[in-house]
């Protein structure tokens, strides 16, 4: 939980919570310090636009709340990489909550990780902090050459280059494996992602062999 101290005793201040498995939106708003009456107004006033439909476990939600629990702004990046913003507005003297939605460009990093097999591929990838999504791609890429249940040997090694996408300093998702090397005993297996013309794309060995099985 992230809490940023207000500059004045009466706020407003920002808080951040992750939407958890089993949560309702009301549970989330309560943890964010939103007053019950405001929480009900948000839920009823935004029902037709369904801003919380794309809220999934693990998504971080930020809220700007004053010392009385009055919600000023709530925002989160949904699974479609859109920024959802709910903001208190005054319309003809009547306060209401307006919903805005816009596509958000993500930053892209290229990450390299290496590891050594001690027992299994997933144990080795966990040991170096490699996401399961990347480990599964490695297993799929070399599935025609390596039986990852029977062919692994202690001391086998891997190196992988892959994408990560982030927003405001937070990891949003892990992308595609771009290149990978797997040393299985005396075999040195390599693959590189390539996209060419006429939808010619996939993983290729350094000598140009398409690894698609």
Protein backbone atom coordinates (compact mmCIF):
# COMPACT_ATOMS: atom_id res chain seq x y z
CA UNK A 1 0.00 0.00 0.00
CA UNK A 2 1.34 3.41 -1.00
CA UNK A 3 0.32 6.46 0.98
CA UNK A 4 1.62 9.94 0.19
CA UNK A 5 1.40 12.32 3.11
CA UNK A 6 -0.66 15.48 2.48
CA UNK A 7 1.07 18.83 2.55
CA UNK A 8 -1.71 20.13 4.83
CA UNK A 9 -3.52 18.33 7.64
CA UNK A 10 -6.86 18.43 5.82
CA UNK A 11 -5.51 16.92 2.59
CA UNK A 12 -6.36 16.01 -0.02
CA UNK A 13 -3.87 13.16 -0.35
CA UNK A 14 -3.18 10.25 -2.68
CA UNK A 15 -3.45 6.59 -1.78
CA UNK A 16 -2.87 3.47 -3.83
CA UNK A 17 -4.24 -0.06 -3.46
CA UNK A 18 -4.17 -3.19 -5.58
CA UNK A 19 -7.46 -4.77 -6.55
CA UNK A 20 -7.32 -8.21 -4.92
CA UNK A 21 -8.86 -11.53 -5.83
CA UNK A 22 -12.29 -11.75 -4.21
CA UNK A 23 -12.58 -7.96 -3.87
CA UNK A 24 -15.66 -5.96 -4.71
CA UNK A 25 -15.28 -2.37 -5.87
CA UNK A 26 -16.82 -1.31 -2.56
CA UNK A 27 -14.06 -3.21 -0.71
CA UNK A 28 -11.43 -1.40 -2.76
CA UNK A 29 -12.95 2.05 -2.18
CA UNK A 30 -13.11 1.39 1.56
CA UNK A 31 -9.37 0.54 1.67
CA UNK A 32 -8.65 3.70 -0.29
CA UNK A 33 -10.35 5.73 2.46
CA UNK A 34 -13.38 6.80 0.41
CA UNK A 35 -16.42 7.77 2.50
CA UNK A 36 -19.36 5.32 2.26
CA UNK A 37 -21.70 7.92 0.79
CA UNK A 38 -19.17 8.89 -1.89
CA UNK A 39 -18.51 5.22 -2.65
CA UNK A 40 -22.23 4.68 -3.26
CA UNK A 41 -22.39 7.78 -5.45
CA UNK A 42 -19.46 6.57 -7.53
CA UNK A 43 -20.98 3.12 -8.01
CA UNK A 44 -24.46 4.41 -8.87
CA UNK A 45 -23.35 7.43 -10.88
CA UNK A 46 -20.98 5.51 -13.17
CA UNK A 47 -23.04 2.33 -13.60
CA UNK A 48 -24.06 3.09 -17.19
CA UNK A 49 -20.42 3.52 -18.28
CA UNK A 50 -19.19 0.44 -16.38
CA UNK A 51 -15.65 1.77 -15.72
CA UNK A 52 -14.90 -1.05 -13.27
CA UNK A 53 -15.78 -3.87 -15.67
CA UNK A 54 -12.16 -4.17 -16.77
CA UNK A 55 -10.74 -4.11 -13.22
CA UNK A 56 -8.78 -7.31 -12.59
CA UNK A 57 -6.82 -8.67 -9.59
CA UNK A 58 -3.37 -7.12 -9.39
CA UNK A 59 -4.29 -3.80 -11.01
CA UNK A 60 -3.16 -0.77 -9.01
CA UNK A 61 -5.77 1.91 -8.34
CA UNK A 62 -4.89 5.45 -7.23
CA UNK A 63 -7.33 7.72 -5.38
CA UNK A 64 -7.14 11.35 -4.28
CA UNK A 65 -9.22 11.71 -1.10
CA UNK A 66 -9.57 14.55 1.42
CA UNK A 67 -9.50 14.16 5.20
CA UNK A 68 -13.30 13.67 5.27
CA UNK A 69 -13.12 10.81 2.77
CA UNK A 70 -14.48 12.86 -0.12
CA UNK A 71 -13.19 11.35 -3.34
CA UNK A 72 -11.66 13.84 -5.77
CA UNK A 73 -10.09 11.59 -8.39
CA UNK A 74 -9.73 7.85 -8.94
CA UNK A 75 -7.68 6.31 -11.75
CA UNK A 76 -6.27 3.01 -12.95
CA UNK A 77 -4.76 1.46 -16.09
CA UNK A 78 -6.98 -1.39 -17.26
CA UNK A 79 -6.07 -4.59 -19.08
CA UNK A 80 -6.72 -2.94 -22.46
CA UNK A 81 -3.98 -0.38 -21.67
CA UNK A 82 -6.53 2.41 -21.26
CA UNK A 83 -6.39 4.93 -18.43
CA UNK A 84 -9.73 5.10 -16.62
CA UNK A 85 -10.26 8.32 -14.65
CA UNK A 86 -13.23 9.10 -12.41
CA UNK A 87 -13.30 12.71 -11.26
CA UNK A 88 -15.59 14.80 -9.06
CA UNK A 89 -17.16 17.58 -11.10
CA UNK A 90 -19.65 20.36 -10.34
CA UNK A 91 -22.44 20.74 -12.89
CA UNK A 92 -24.88 23.60 -12.31
CA UNK A 93 -24.02 23.49 -8.63
CA UNK A 94 -24.56 19.73 -8.42
CA UNK A 95 -21.54 17.53 -7.78
CA UNK A 96 -21.25 14.33 -9.78
CA UNK A 97 -18.58 11.87 -10.90
CA UNK A 98 -17.48 11.97 -14.53
CA UNK A 99 -15.72 9.06 -16.25
CA UNK A 100 -12.98 9.50 -18.85
CA UNK A 101 -11.18 6.80 -20.79
CA UNK A 102 -8.15 7.18 -23.05
CA UNK A 103 -5.51 4.97 -24.61
CA UNK A 104 -2.19 5.22 -22.82
CA UNK A 105 1.14 4.64 -24.58
CA UNK A 106 3.44 2.31 -22.68
CA UNK A 107 7.19 2.48 -22.33
CA UNK A 108 9.12 -0.52 -23.65
CA UNK A 109 12.26 -2.03 -22.15
CA UNK A 110 14.44 -4.83 -23.50
CA UNK A 111 15.51 -7.14 -20.67
CA UNK A 112 18.13 -9.90 -20.59
CA UNK A 113 18.18 -12.77 -18.10
CA UNK A 114 20.36 -15.86 -17.74
CA UNK A 115 20.10 -18.89 -15.53
CA UNK A 116 21.24 -22.44 -14.88
CA UNK A 117 19.12 -25.57 -14.56
CA UNK A 118 19.30 -27.27 -11.17
CA UNK A 119 16.06 -29.24 -11.25
CA UNK A 120 13.53 -27.82 -13.73
CA UNK A 121 13.15 -24.98 -16.18
CA UNK A 122 10.55 -23.17 -14.07
CA UNK A 123 12.63 -23.50 -10.90
CA UNK A 124 15.59 -21.99 -12.77
CA UNK A 125 13.55 -19.12 -14.21
CA UNK A 126 12.02 -18.38 -10.80
CA UNK A 127 15.51 -18.24 -9.29
CA UNK A 128 16.52 -15.36 -11.60
CA UNK A 129 13.17 -13.55 -11.42
CA UNK A 130 12.01 -14.47 -14.91
CA UNK A 131 8.22 -14.22 -15.38
CA UNK A 132 6.37 -17.49 -16.00
CA UNK A 133 5.06 -16.02 -19.27
CA UNK A 134 8.63 -15.88 -20.59
CA UNK A 135 9.50 -19.37 -19.31
CA UNK A 136 6.48 -20.76 -21.13
CA UNK A 137 7.61 -19.08 -24.35
CA UNK A 138 11.07 -20.65 -24.02
CA UNK A 139 9.54 -24.09 -23.58
CA UNK A 140 7.26 -23.55 -26.58
CA UNK A 141 10.04 -22.26 -28.85
CA UNK A 142 12.24 -25.32 -28.27
CA UNK A 143 9.41 -27.85 -27.81
CA UNK A 144 10.42 -29.66 -31.02
CA UNK A 145 14.02 -30.10 -29.86
CA UNK A 146 13.84 -30.51 -26.08
CA UNK A 147 11.52 -32.51 -23.86
CA UNK A 148 11.58 -30.23 -20.84
CA UNK A 149 10.42 -33.07 -18.58
CA UNK A 150 13.00 -35.68 -19.66
CA UNK A 151 15.88 -34.04 -21.54
CA UNK A 152 17.04 -31.46 -19.00
CA UNK A 153 20.40 -31.97 -17.29
CA UNK A 154 21.77 -30.28 -14.23
CA UNK A 155 24.05 -27.51 -15.49
CA UNK A 156 22.06 -26.74 -18.65
CA UNK A 157 21.93 -22.99 -19.18
CA UNK A 158 19.73 -20.43 -20.85
CA UNK A 159 19.94 -16.75 -21.83
CA UNK A 160 16.89 -14.85 -23.00
CA UNK A 161 16.09 -11.37 -24.30
CA UNK A 162 12.48 -10.23 -23.94
CA UNK A 163 10.19 -7.19 -23.79
CA UNK A 164 8.65 -5.52 -20.76
CA UNK A 165 6.09 -2.71 -20.93
CA UNK A 166 5.63 -0.14 -18.18
CA UNK A 167 3.64 2.96 -17.28
CA UNK A 168 4.58 5.59 -14.70
CA UNK A 169 7.41 3.39 -13.47
CA UNK A 170 5.17 0.33 -12.97
CA UNK A 171 5.45 -2.92 -14.87
CA UNK A 172 2.24 -3.44 -16.85
CA UNK A 173 2.99 -6.63 -18.74
CA UNK A 174 5.71 -8.85 -20.12
CA UNK A 175 5.93 -9.11 -23.88
CA UNK A 176 7.53 -11.35 -26.45
CA UNK A 177 10.78 -13.29 -26.26
CA UNK A 178 13.05 -11.67 -28.87
CA UNK A 179 16.02 -14.03 -28.69
CA UNK A 180 16.92 -17.07 -26.62
CA UNK A 181 19.81 -19.50 -26.29
CA UNK A 182 19.49 -22.86 -24.53
CA UNK A 183 22.49 -25.10 -23.85
CA UNK A 184 21.23 -28.64 -23.36
CA UNK A 185 24.19 -30.94 -22.70
CA UNK A 186 26.40 -30.54 -25.77
CA UNK A 187 23.67 -28.96 -27.85
CA UNK A 188 23.54 -25.19 -28.32
CA UNK A 189 20.04 -24.16 -29.40
CA UNK A 190 19.34 -20.61 -30.51
CA UNK A 191 16.27 -18.76 -31.73
CA UNK A 192 15.55 -15.19 -32.82
CA UNK A 193 12.15 -13.58 -33.44
CA UNK A 194 11.86 -12.23 -37.00
CA UNK A 195 9.11 -10.31 -38.77
CA UNK A 196 9.37 -9.94 -42.53
CA UNK A 197 7.12 -9.12 -45.44
CA UNK A 198 3.97 -11.08 -46.38
CA UNK A 199 3.27 -11.95 -42.75
CA UNK A 200 6.46 -13.98 -42.64
CA UNK A 201 7.19 -14.01 -38.93
CA UNK A 202 8.26 -16.44 -36.27
CA UNK A 203 11.31 -17.87 -34.53
CA UNK A 204 14.33 -18.77 -36.64
CA UNK A 205 17.68 -20.38 -35.93
CA UNK A 206 20.83 -18.37 -36.80
CA UNK A 207 21.12 -20.28 -40.11
CA UNK A 208 17.60 -19.19 -41.14
CA UNK A 209 15.68 -22.36 -40.28
CA UNK A 210 12.07 -21.72 -39.26
CA UNK A 211 11.53 -23.34 -35.87
CA UNK A 212 7.75 -23.52 -36.24
CA UNK A 213 6.62 -27.10 -35.72
